[in-house]
Protein backbone atom coordinates (compact mmCIF):
# COMPACT_ATOMS: atom_id res chain seq x y z
CA MET A 1 18.09 -15.33 -25.65
CA LYS A 2 18.78 -11.57 -26.32
CA TYR A 3 22.52 -11.99 -26.43
CA ARG A 4 22.58 -15.31 -27.86
CA TRP A 5 20.49 -14.01 -31.08
CA LYS A 6 23.05 -11.09 -31.09
CA ILE A 7 26.08 -13.79 -31.55
CA THR A 8 24.15 -15.83 -33.77
CA SER A 9 22.75 -12.46 -35.67
CA ILE A 10 26.41 -12.14 -36.24
CA LEU A 11 27.32 -15.32 -37.68
CA ILE A 12 24.80 -15.07 -40.15
CA GLY A 13 25.52 -11.82 -41.20
CA MET A 14 29.41 -13.14 -41.82
CA PHE A 15 27.76 -15.90 -43.65
CA LEU A 16 25.80 -13.91 -46.05
CA VAL A 17 28.61 -11.37 -46.63
CA ALA A 18 31.41 -14.48 -47.46
CA GLN A 19 28.27 -15.89 -49.64
CA LEU A 20 27.98 -12.45 -51.78
CA ILE A 21 31.52 -12.07 -51.59
CA GLY A 22 31.76 -15.62 -53.51
CA LEU A 23 29.23 -14.35 -56.10
CA TYR A 24 31.61 -11.74 -56.95
CA VAL A 25 34.34 -14.01 -57.29
CA ALA A 26 32.55 -16.53 -59.11
CA TYR A 27 31.66 -13.57 -61.49
CA VAL A 28 35.12 -12.72 -62.24
CA TYR A 29 36.59 -16.18 -62.88
CA ALA A 30 33.51 -17.20 -64.99
CA PRO A 31 34.89 -19.25 -67.71
CA GLU A 32 34.78 -17.54 -71.09
CA SER A 33 34.68 -19.44 -74.91
CA ILE A 34 37.59 -18.03 -76.90
CA GLN A 35 38.89 -18.70 -80.20
CA VAL A 36 42.73 -19.98 -81.31
CA LEU A 37 44.18 -21.14 -84.27
CA ASN A 38 45.20 -24.73 -84.44
CA GLN A 39 48.44 -24.88 -85.53
CA THR A 40 48.19 -28.50 -87.41
CA SER A 41 44.92 -27.71 -89.06
CA GLY A 42 45.32 -23.96 -89.81
CA GLU A 43 41.38 -23.23 -88.16
CA LEU A 44 39.75 -21.75 -85.30
CA GLU A 45 38.68 -23.52 -82.30
CA ASN A 46 36.68 -22.85 -79.53
CA LYS A 47 38.41 -23.43 -76.12
CA THR A 48 37.15 -22.87 -72.67
CA ALA A 49 39.76 -19.89 -71.03
CA TYR A 50 39.80 -19.86 -67.16
CA HIS A 51 41.22 -16.92 -65.31
CA ILE A 52 41.86 -18.77 -62.09
CA PRO A 53 45.41 -18.20 -61.13
CA TYR A 54 47.98 -20.07 -59.24
CA GLY A 55 47.73 -23.05 -61.70
CA MET A 56 44.57 -23.63 -60.12
CA ALA A 57 42.60 -23.59 -63.32
CA PRO A 58 40.55 -27.01 -64.34
CA PRO A 59 42.55 -28.85 -66.96
CA GLU A 60 41.29 -28.57 -70.43
CA ASP A 61 39.61 -32.25 -70.76
CA VAL A 62 37.56 -32.14 -67.73
CA GLU A 63 34.12 -32.51 -67.65
CA PRO A 64 32.16 -30.76 -64.87
CA THR A 65 29.45 -33.85 -64.77
CA ALA A 66 32.38 -36.15 -64.26
CA SER A 67 34.06 -34.61 -60.99
CA VAL A 68 31.55 -35.42 -58.61
CA THR A 69 33.35 -38.87 -57.87
CA SER A 70 36.87 -37.41 -57.75
CA ILE A 71 35.64 -34.51 -55.22
CA LEU A 72 34.20 -37.03 -52.77
CA ILE A 73 37.61 -39.31 -53.12
CA ALA A 74 39.16 -36.05 -52.33
CA LEU A 75 37.49 -35.42 -49.35
CA ALA A 76 37.53 -38.74 -48.02
CA ILE A 77 41.12 -38.63 -48.40
CA ALA A 78 41.73 -35.32 -46.76
CA VAL A 79 39.40 -36.50 -43.78
CA SER A 80 41.31 -39.56 -43.23
CA LEU A 81 44.54 -37.71 -44.08
CA MET A 82 43.05 -35.54 -40.78
CA LEU A 83 42.36 -38.31 -38.55
CA LEU A 84 45.28 -39.77 -39.21
CA LEU A 85 47.55 -36.77 -38.21
CA MET A 86 45.51 -36.04 -35.21
CA ARG A 87 46.04 -39.54 -34.04
CA LEU A 88 49.92 -38.68 -34.59
CA LYS A 89 49.93 -35.20 -32.89
CA ALA A 90 51.37 -33.65 -35.97
CA GLU A 91 50.52 -30.16 -34.81
CA VAL A 92 53.09 -28.68 -36.65
CA PHE A 93 52.54 -30.30 -39.73
CA LEU A 94 48.83 -29.53 -39.60
CA ARG A 95 49.60 -25.91 -39.11
CA GLY A 96 51.74 -25.37 -42.10
CA TRP A 97 48.77 -27.31 -43.95
CA PHE A 98 46.39 -24.78 -42.86
CA PHE A 99 48.69 -22.08 -43.16
CA LEU A 100 48.94 -22.56 -46.81
CA VAL A 101 45.46 -23.56 -47.73
CA VAL A 102 44.83 -19.78 -46.65
CA ILE A 103 47.05 -18.09 -48.29
CA ILE A 104 45.81 -19.94 -51.35
CA GLY A 105 42.33 -18.73 -50.66
CA ILE A 106 43.11 -15.49 -49.61
CA ALA A 107 45.10 -14.79 -52.70
CA LEU A 108 42.60 -16.31 -54.95
CA ALA A 109 39.39 -14.04 -53.49
CA LEU A 110 41.89 -10.85 -53.41
CA ASN A 111 42.71 -11.56 -57.47
CA ALA A 112 39.35 -11.09 -58.30
CA PHE A 113 39.43 -7.60 -56.90
CA PHE A 114 42.56 -6.69 -58.19
CA TYR A 115 41.89 -8.91 -61.26
CA GLY A 116 43.19 -6.74 -64.55
CA LEU A 117 45.81 -4.56 -62.51
CA PRO A 118 49.58 -5.19 -62.90
CA TYR A 119 51.14 -8.28 -61.01
CA ALA A 120 47.58 -8.88 -59.31
CA SER A 121 48.33 -12.31 -58.43
CA LEU A 122 51.64 -11.56 -57.31
CA VAL A 123 50.19 -8.18 -54.86
CA SER A 124 47.50 -10.75 -53.60
CA LEU A 125 49.73 -13.37 -52.76
CA ILE A 126 52.01 -10.65 -50.99
CA ILE A 127 48.80 -9.20 -48.89
CA ALA A 128 47.33 -12.96 -48.31
CA ALA A 129 50.91 -13.98 -46.55
CA PRO A 130 50.61 -11.72 -43.60
CA LEU A 131 47.18 -12.04 -42.69
CA ALA A 132 47.39 -16.08 -43.12
CA TYR A 133 50.08 -15.49 -40.20
CA LEU A 134 47.64 -13.56 -37.96
CA LYS A 135 44.84 -16.37 -38.37
CA ILE A 136 47.33 -19.34 -37.97
CA PHE A 137 50.02 -18.47 -35.56
CA LYS A 138 48.74 -15.18 -33.62
CA ARG A 139 45.21 -16.22 -33.24
CA ASN A 140 43.60 -12.75 -33.67
CA MET A 141 39.23 -12.91 -33.76
CA TYR A 142 39.38 -10.25 -36.08
CA ALA A 143 41.75 -11.45 -38.16
CA HIS A 144 40.39 -15.07 -38.01
CA ASN A 145 36.96 -13.64 -38.84
CA GLY A 146 37.79 -11.39 -41.51
CA THR A 147 40.14 -13.61 -43.50
CA GLU A 148 37.25 -16.73 -42.99
CA LEU A 149 35.36 -14.00 -45.20
CA VAL A 150 37.45 -14.51 -48.07
CA ILE A 151 38.98 -17.84 -47.80
CA TYR A 152 35.94 -20.00 -48.89
CA PRO A 153 35.12 -17.81 -51.91
CA GLY A 154 38.44 -18.33 -53.12
CA ILE A 155 38.41 -22.25 -52.44
CA ALA A 156 34.85 -22.06 -53.96
CA SER A 157 36.41 -20.57 -57.28
CA VAL A 158 38.60 -23.63 -58.05
CA PHE A 159 35.46 -26.30 -57.35
CA ILE A 160 33.17 -24.30 -59.63
CA PRO A 161 34.42 -25.14 -62.91
CA LEU A 162 34.88 -28.44 -61.83
CA LEU A 163 30.68 -29.28 -61.50
CA SER A 164 27.79 -28.54 -63.30
CA ILE A 165 24.15 -27.67 -61.33
CA PRO A 166 23.17 -31.06 -61.15
CA SER A 167 26.29 -32.69 -59.88
CA ALA A 168 26.68 -29.89 -57.29
CA LEU A 169 22.98 -30.72 -55.92
CA ILE A 170 24.07 -34.21 -55.91
CA LEU A 171 27.23 -33.86 -53.91
CA LEU A 172 25.14 -31.76 -51.65
CA VAL A 173 23.17 -34.13 -50.86
CA LEU A 174 25.55 -36.49 -49.84
CA ILE A 175 27.74 -33.90 -47.86
CA SER A 176 24.54 -32.99 -45.88
CA ALA A 177 24.02 -36.74 -45.31
CA TYR A 178 27.45 -37.41 -44.09
CA ASP A 179 27.33 -34.12 -41.99
CA MET A 180 24.68 -35.45 -39.96
CA TYR A 181 25.83 -38.82 -39.56
CA ALA A 182 29.36 -37.45 -38.31
CA VAL A 183 27.74 -35.01 -36.03
CA TRP A 184 24.79 -36.95 -34.46
CA HIS A 185 26.14 -40.41 -34.33
CA VAL A 186 29.61 -40.48 -34.27
CA GLY A 187 30.29 -37.05 -32.92
CA PHE A 188 33.32 -36.72 -35.30
CA MET A 189 32.41 -32.81 -36.32
CA GLN A 190 32.70 -31.89 -32.67
CA LYS A 191 35.74 -33.97 -32.04
CA MET A 192 37.53 -32.31 -35.00
CA ALA A 193 36.24 -28.97 -33.95
CA ARG A 194 37.77 -29.26 -30.10
CA TYR A 195 40.93 -30.64 -31.97
CA GLN A 196 41.25 -27.25 -33.92
CA ILE A 197 40.24 -25.12 -31.22
CA GLU A 198 42.08 -26.28 -28.18
CA THR A 199 45.15 -28.50 -29.68
CA LEU A 200 46.09 -26.43 -32.92
CA ARG A 201 44.41 -22.95 -31.43
CA LEU A 202 42.65 -22.49 -34.85
CA PHE A 203 39.44 -23.32 -36.19
CA SER A 204 38.52 -23.88 -40.03
CA GLY A 205 35.50 -21.23 -39.68
CA PHE A 206 33.73 -18.86 -38.18
CA PHE A 207 34.80 -18.57 -34.06
CA ILE A 208 32.88 -15.96 -31.75
CA PRO A 209 33.95 -16.55 -28.28
CA TYR A 210 30.98 -14.89 -25.84
CA ILE A 211 30.13 -14.92 -22.16
CA GLY A 212 26.77 -15.66 -20.88
CA LYS A 213 24.40 -13.00 -18.95
CA LYS A 214 25.44 -14.94 -15.66
CA GLU A 215 28.98 -14.85 -16.40
CA ARG A 216 29.26 -11.40 -16.93
CA ILE A 217 27.31 -9.96 -14.00
CA ALA A 218 29.87 -12.47 -12.22
CA LEU A 219 32.63 -10.56 -13.88
CA GLN A 220 31.00 -7.49 -12.82
CA ARG A 221 30.82 -8.17 -9.33
CA ALA A 222 34.38 -9.07 -9.26
CA LYS A 223 35.67 -6.18 -10.77
CA ALA A 224 33.54 -3.71 -8.46
CA ALA A 225 34.95 -5.90 -5.31
CA GLY A 226 38.69 -5.84 -6.77
CA ASN A 227 38.99 -9.14 -7.80
CA LYS A 228 40.60 -8.90 -11.47
CA ASN A 229 41.56 -12.61 -11.43
CA LYS A 230 37.96 -13.99 -11.71
CA LYS A 231 37.54 -16.76 -14.17
CA VAL A 232 34.54 -17.48 -16.21
CA PRO A 233 33.33 -20.08 -18.75
CA VAL A 234 33.70 -19.11 -22.25
CA HIS A 235 31.38 -20.30 -25.10
CA ILE A 236 31.68 -20.16 -28.47
CA ALA A 237 29.76 -20.01 -31.51
CA ILE A 238 31.13 -21.49 -34.41
CA LEU A 239 30.28 -22.17 -38.16
CA GLY A 240 32.22 -24.70 -40.33
CA GLY A 241 34.16 -24.01 -43.39
CA GLY A 242 32.35 -26.61 -45.39
CA ASP A 243 28.89 -24.71 -44.14
CA ILE A 244 30.24 -21.62 -45.87
CA VAL A 245 32.04 -22.92 -49.00
CA PHE A 246 29.26 -25.41 -50.50
CA PRO A 247 26.51 -23.10 -51.04
CA ILE A 248 28.83 -20.56 -52.24
CA ILE A 249 29.67 -23.44 -55.01
CA ILE A 250 25.92 -23.87 -56.24
CA ALA A 251 25.37 -20.06 -56.40
CA GLY A 252 28.37 -19.61 -58.23
CA LEU A 253 27.03 -22.16 -60.74
CA VAL A 254 23.83 -20.70 -60.70
CA LEU A 255 25.07 -17.25 -61.26
CA GLN A 256 27.21 -18.68 -64.40
CA ALA A 257 24.24 -20.61 -65.56
CA TRP A 258 21.11 -18.28 -65.09
CA GLY A 259 22.22 -14.77 -64.10
CA LEU A 260 22.65 -13.07 -60.82
CA VAL A 261 18.88 -12.59 -59.73
CA PRO A 262 18.60 -16.44 -59.51
CA ALA A 263 21.80 -16.66 -57.62
CA LEU A 264 20.89 -14.34 -55.15
CA ILE A 265 17.67 -16.24 -54.32
CA VAL A 266 19.66 -19.63 -54.05
CA THR A 267 22.25 -17.53 -51.53
CA LEU A 268 18.74 -16.07 -49.42
CA GLY A 269 17.55 -19.77 -49.51
CA ALA A 270 20.85 -20.74 -47.90
CA THR A 271 20.71 -18.03 -45.74
CA LEU A 272 17.25 -18.27 -44.30
CA GLY A 273 17.75 -22.33 -44.01
CA LEU A 274 20.91 -21.29 -41.25
CA THR A 275 19.01 -18.58 -39.64
CA PHE A 276 15.77 -21.91 -39.19
CA LEU A 277 18.96 -23.66 -37.58
CA PHE A 278 20.13 -21.22 -35.23
CA TYR A 279 16.23 -20.37 -34.34
CA ILE A 280 15.48 -24.23 -33.26
CA SER A 281 18.85 -24.80 -31.93
CA LYS A 282 19.35 -24.96 -28.27
CA LYS A 283 22.76 -23.60 -26.33
CA GLY A 284 25.16 -26.17 -25.69
CA LYS A 285 24.19 -28.79 -28.88
CA PHE A 286 26.09 -29.41 -31.91
CA TYR A 287 24.16 -29.26 -34.94
CA PRO A 288 24.65 -30.39 -38.34
CA ALA A 289 24.10 -27.01 -40.78
CA MET A 290 24.63 -28.35 -44.01
CA PRO A 291 21.38 -29.98 -44.02
CA PHE A 292 18.98 -26.86 -43.15
CA ILE A 293 21.25 -24.99 -45.59
CA THR A 294 20.88 -27.26 -48.08
CA VAL A 295 16.81 -27.44 -48.19
CA GLY A 296 17.31 -23.53 -48.08
CA ILE A 297 19.37 -23.76 -51.66
CA PHE A 298 16.63 -26.27 -53.29
CA ILE A 299 14.05 -24.00 -52.15
CA GLY A 300 15.70 -21.21 -53.66
CA LEU A 301 16.91 -23.13 -56.49
CA ALA A 302 13.28 -24.43 -57.10
CA ILE A 303 12.31 -20.57 -57.11
CA ALA A 304 15.06 -19.57 -59.40
CA TYR A 305 14.40 -22.05 -61.44
CA ILE A 306 10.48 -20.61 -61.78
CA ILE A 307 11.59 -17.36 -62.48
CA ARG A 308 14.77 -17.45 -64.82
């Protein structure tokens, strides 16, 4: 039990670090109102300027409150495409897809840290490419989890300008309901996680392999007996990418609307919700994390609203 909590504590710690990085990225990419000269009328007009590179900034005519439906449609298409490609066993294409998404996510986050420096977006891409290669094709656990800390802050920065706080909360509730259905009723999340880990040999989320107490004792005894080929089952502790990115989106919106302290309270609520899930969870079972994280977010959001 003590060793299990050590592993879950690492997951919770990585989750929190990713959230804090996400807040910083959201702060850097916060839109600002600028005045531009209308060439036709000759008058100054207020326009919203975004600092998100690689053509990821939203179109000027997109209203944040009108984007929930389009995001849900995009997610439905992505899930459907994933299922189709899994059925077609298109592993090469899927690895390429993941590779491109990882590069973009890492580069967006790194660019926030390099923002204002010469060629920041180009340097970020140059750094992101080999890190993505290590993550997708070399299965290095340090590279995998290290890049996960910045991938989701980068991805979240694309969605934050498309949403308002109310619309994001609606999206959060819908995603949580889907998560419960996908895990507890149809088992889709488990199948997709196993497919990623066993077939694609990658995973979109935090991933920590470990062996239990009995297995460690068996290895020690085998080593003492000179048996170096002893095999034991390896357990894994995972936290999906969606469980990481959606809290960042909410906290990023709160940061831009209400300020740093309310955003940190929302982040703390999400972290405590995840901690509660790990506290009640049982070894070897899958749980939908989003409902627990969502409850924590709503509690944090209520407190943040009162004190803002």
